[in-house]
N, C-alpha and C. Protein backbone atom coordinates (compact mmCIF):
# COMPACT_ATOMS: atom_id res chain seq x y z
N UNK A 1 0.84 -1.17 0.00
CA UNK A 1 0.00 0.00 0.00
C UNK A 1 0.89 1.24 0.00
N UNK A 2 0.50 2.20 -0.77
CA UNK A 2 1.24 3.46 -0.86
C UNK A 2 0.32 4.61 -0.47
N UNK A 3 0.81 5.48 0.40
CA UNK A 3 0.04 6.66 0.83
C UNK A 3 0.82 7.89 0.40
N UNK A 4 0.17 8.71 -0.40
CA UNK A 4 0.82 9.92 -0.91
C UNK A 4 -0.07 11.13 -0.65
N UNK A 5 0.54 12.30 -0.44
CA UNK A 5 -0.26 13.50 -0.27
C UNK A 5 -1.06 13.83 -1.53
N UNK A 6 -2.25 14.34 -1.34
CA UNK A 6 -3.11 14.77 -2.45
C UNK A 6 -3.18 16.29 -2.51
N UNK A 7 -2.24 16.96 -1.85
CA UNK A 7 -2.29 18.41 -1.74
C UNK A 7 -2.23 19.10 -3.10
N UNK A 8 -1.37 18.65 -3.98
CA UNK A 8 -1.26 19.29 -5.30
C UNK A 8 -2.59 19.28 -6.03
N UNK A 9 -3.27 18.14 -5.98
CA UNK A 9 -4.58 18.03 -6.64
C UNK A 9 -5.60 18.94 -5.98
N UNK A 10 -5.62 18.96 -4.66
CA UNK A 10 -6.59 19.80 -3.94
C UNK A 10 -6.36 21.28 -4.22
N UNK A 11 -5.10 21.68 -4.24
CA UNK A 11 -4.79 23.09 -4.53
C UNK A 11 -5.19 23.44 -5.97
N UNK A 12 -4.91 22.54 -6.89
CA UNK A 12 -5.26 22.79 -8.29
C UNK A 12 -6.77 22.93 -8.45
N UNK A 13 -7.53 22.06 -7.78
CA UNK A 13 -8.99 22.13 -7.85
C UNK A 13 -9.52 23.47 -7.33
N UNK A 14 -8.80 24.05 -6.38
CA UNK A 14 -9.24 25.31 -5.78
C UNK A 14 -8.55 26.53 -6.38
N UNK A 15 -7.66 26.30 -7.32
CA UNK A 15 -6.94 27.41 -7.95
C UNK A 15 -6.03 28.14 -6.97
N UNK A 16 -5.46 27.38 -6.02
CA UNK A 16 -4.60 27.97 -4.99
C UNK A 16 -3.15 27.55 -5.21
N UNK A 17 -2.25 28.35 -4.68
CA UNK A 17 -0.83 28.04 -4.71
C UNK A 17 -0.36 27.71 -3.29
N UNK A 18 0.85 27.18 -3.20
CA UNK A 18 1.45 26.94 -1.88
C UNK A 18 1.50 28.24 -1.10
N UNK A 19 1.86 29.32 -1.76
CA UNK A 19 1.98 30.62 -1.10
C UNK A 19 0.63 31.07 -0.52
N UNK A 20 -0.42 30.92 -1.30
CA UNK A 20 -1.75 31.32 -0.82
C UNK A 20 -2.18 30.48 0.37
N UNK A 21 -1.90 29.17 0.32
CA UNK A 21 -2.24 28.31 1.44
C UNK A 21 -1.41 28.69 2.66
N UNK A 22 -0.17 29.02 2.44
CA UNK A 22 0.70 29.47 3.53
C UNK A 22 0.13 30.72 4.20
N UNK A 23 -0.30 31.67 3.40
CA UNK A 23 -0.87 32.90 3.95
C UNK A 23 -2.16 32.62 4.71
N UNK A 24 -2.96 31.68 4.22
CA UNK A 24 -4.25 31.37 4.84
C UNK A 24 -4.07 30.60 6.15
N UNK A 25 -3.02 29.77 6.24
CA UNK A 25 -2.84 28.91 7.41
C UNK A 25 -1.78 29.41 8.38
N UNK A 26 -0.86 30.24 7.90
CA UNK A 26 0.26 30.66 8.75
C UNK A 26 1.39 29.65 8.76
N UNK A 27 1.28 28.60 7.95
CA UNK A 27 2.32 27.58 7.85
C UNK A 27 3.35 28.06 6.83
N UNK A 28 4.64 27.98 7.16
CA UNK A 28 5.65 28.41 6.19
C UNK A 28 5.50 27.69 4.85
N UNK A 29 5.71 28.42 3.77
CA UNK A 29 5.55 27.85 2.43
C UNK A 29 6.46 26.63 2.21
N UNK A 30 7.67 26.67 2.73
CA UNK A 30 8.60 25.54 2.60
C UNK A 30 8.06 24.29 3.28
N UNK A 31 7.39 24.46 4.40
CA UNK A 31 6.81 23.34 5.11
C UNK A 31 5.67 22.72 4.30
N UNK A 32 4.87 23.57 3.68
CA UNK A 32 3.78 23.09 2.82
C UNK A 32 4.36 22.33 1.64
N UNK A 33 5.42 22.86 1.07
CA UNK A 33 6.07 22.19 -0.06
C UNK A 33 6.59 20.81 0.34
N UNK A 34 7.21 20.72 1.52
CA UNK A 34 7.73 19.42 1.99
C UNK A 34 6.59 18.45 2.24
N UNK A 35 5.48 18.93 2.79
CA UNK A 35 4.31 18.08 2.99
C UNK A 35 3.82 17.56 1.64
N UNK A 36 3.76 18.45 0.66
CA UNK A 36 3.27 18.08 -0.67
C UNK A 36 4.16 17.02 -1.32
N UNK A 37 5.46 17.05 -1.00
CA UNK A 37 6.40 16.08 -1.57
C UNK A 37 6.53 14.83 -0.71
N UNK A 38 5.75 14.77 0.38
CA UNK A 38 5.75 13.64 1.30
C UNK A 38 7.07 13.52 2.05
N UNK A 39 7.81 14.65 2.17
CA UNK A 39 9.07 14.65 2.88
C UNK A 39 8.89 14.84 4.38
N UNK A 40 7.83 15.54 4.76
CA UNK A 40 7.65 15.87 6.17
C UNK A 40 6.17 16.09 6.44
N UNK A 41 5.66 15.40 7.43
CA UNK A 41 4.26 15.57 7.81
C UNK A 41 4.21 15.93 9.29
N UNK A 42 3.68 17.10 9.60
CA UNK A 42 3.51 17.54 10.98
C UNK A 42 2.02 17.51 11.27
N UNK A 43 1.64 16.77 12.29
CA UNK A 43 0.23 16.55 12.59
C UNK A 43 -0.55 17.85 12.72
N UNK A 44 -0.05 18.81 13.47
CA UNK A 44 -0.81 20.04 13.68
C UNK A 44 -1.02 20.80 12.37
N UNK A 45 -0.08 20.69 11.45
CA UNK A 45 -0.24 21.35 10.16
C UNK A 45 -1.31 20.67 9.32
N UNK A 46 -1.44 19.36 9.46
CA UNK A 46 -2.49 18.67 8.70
C UNK A 46 -3.86 19.23 9.06
N UNK A 47 -4.09 19.50 10.32
CA UNK A 47 -5.38 20.06 10.74
C UNK A 47 -5.59 21.45 10.15
N UNK A 48 -4.56 22.28 10.17
CA UNK A 48 -4.68 23.63 9.61
C UNK A 48 -4.93 23.60 8.11
N UNK A 49 -4.22 22.73 7.40
CA UNK A 49 -4.38 22.62 5.96
C UNK A 49 -5.77 22.09 5.62
N UNK A 50 -6.20 21.05 6.31
CA UNK A 50 -7.53 20.48 6.06
C UNK A 50 -8.61 21.53 6.31
N UNK A 51 -8.48 22.29 7.37
CA UNK A 51 -9.45 23.33 7.68
C UNK A 51 -9.46 24.41 6.61
N UNK A 52 -8.28 24.83 6.18
CA UNK A 52 -8.19 25.89 5.17
C UNK A 52 -8.79 25.46 3.83
N UNK A 53 -8.68 24.16 3.51
CA UNK A 53 -9.19 23.65 2.24
C UNK A 53 -10.60 23.07 2.39
N UNK A 54 -11.12 23.08 3.61
CA UNK A 54 -12.46 22.57 3.91
C UNK A 54 -12.60 21.11 3.48
N UNK A 55 -11.62 20.30 3.89
CA UNK A 55 -11.63 18.86 3.62
C UNK A 55 -11.27 18.13 4.92
N UNK A 56 -11.46 16.82 4.93
CA UNK A 56 -11.03 16.03 6.07
C UNK A 56 -9.53 15.75 5.95
N UNK A 57 -8.93 15.35 7.05
CA UNK A 57 -7.52 14.98 7.01
C UNK A 57 -7.31 13.81 6.06
N UNK A 58 -8.22 12.88 6.03
CA UNK A 58 -8.10 11.73 5.12
C UNK A 58 -8.06 12.20 3.67
N UNK A 59 -8.76 13.28 3.35
CA UNK A 59 -8.79 13.79 1.97
C UNK A 59 -7.44 14.36 1.55
N UNK A 60 -6.55 14.62 2.50
CA UNK A 60 -5.24 15.16 2.17
C UNK A 60 -4.31 14.10 1.58
N UNK A 61 -4.76 12.85 1.58
CA UNK A 61 -3.92 11.75 1.11
C UNK A 61 -4.64 10.89 0.10
N UNK A 62 -3.85 10.26 -0.76
CA UNK A 62 -4.36 9.27 -1.70
C UNK A 62 -3.75 7.94 -1.31
N UNK A 63 -4.56 6.91 -1.24
CA UNK A 63 -4.09 5.57 -0.88
C UNK A 63 -4.17 4.70 -2.13
N UNK A 64 -3.04 4.12 -2.47
CA UNK A 64 -2.98 3.23 -3.63
C UNK A 64 -2.59 1.85 -3.15
N UNK A 65 -3.35 0.86 -3.59
CA UNK A 65 -3.06 -0.52 -3.17
C UNK A 65 -2.27 -1.25 -4.22
C-alpha cells in the first residue's frame, strides 16, 4: 500500500498556490512544499491545511493498493 499527499490536486482544484495556502494557514511555504512532496508531515499542520481547504484529514492523502 502506498500513501501519498493529495495536496497538489486539492490546490489545483481550488486554484490555490502553496503561497496562498501558507498565507491562509500561517504555515511556512517551505513546510507546505515538503508536505506536498511527502518529505515531512507535521500533525498540527495537517489540521490547519484540512481546515483551510475545507476537507477532512483523510482527503489530504491518496491511498494506492
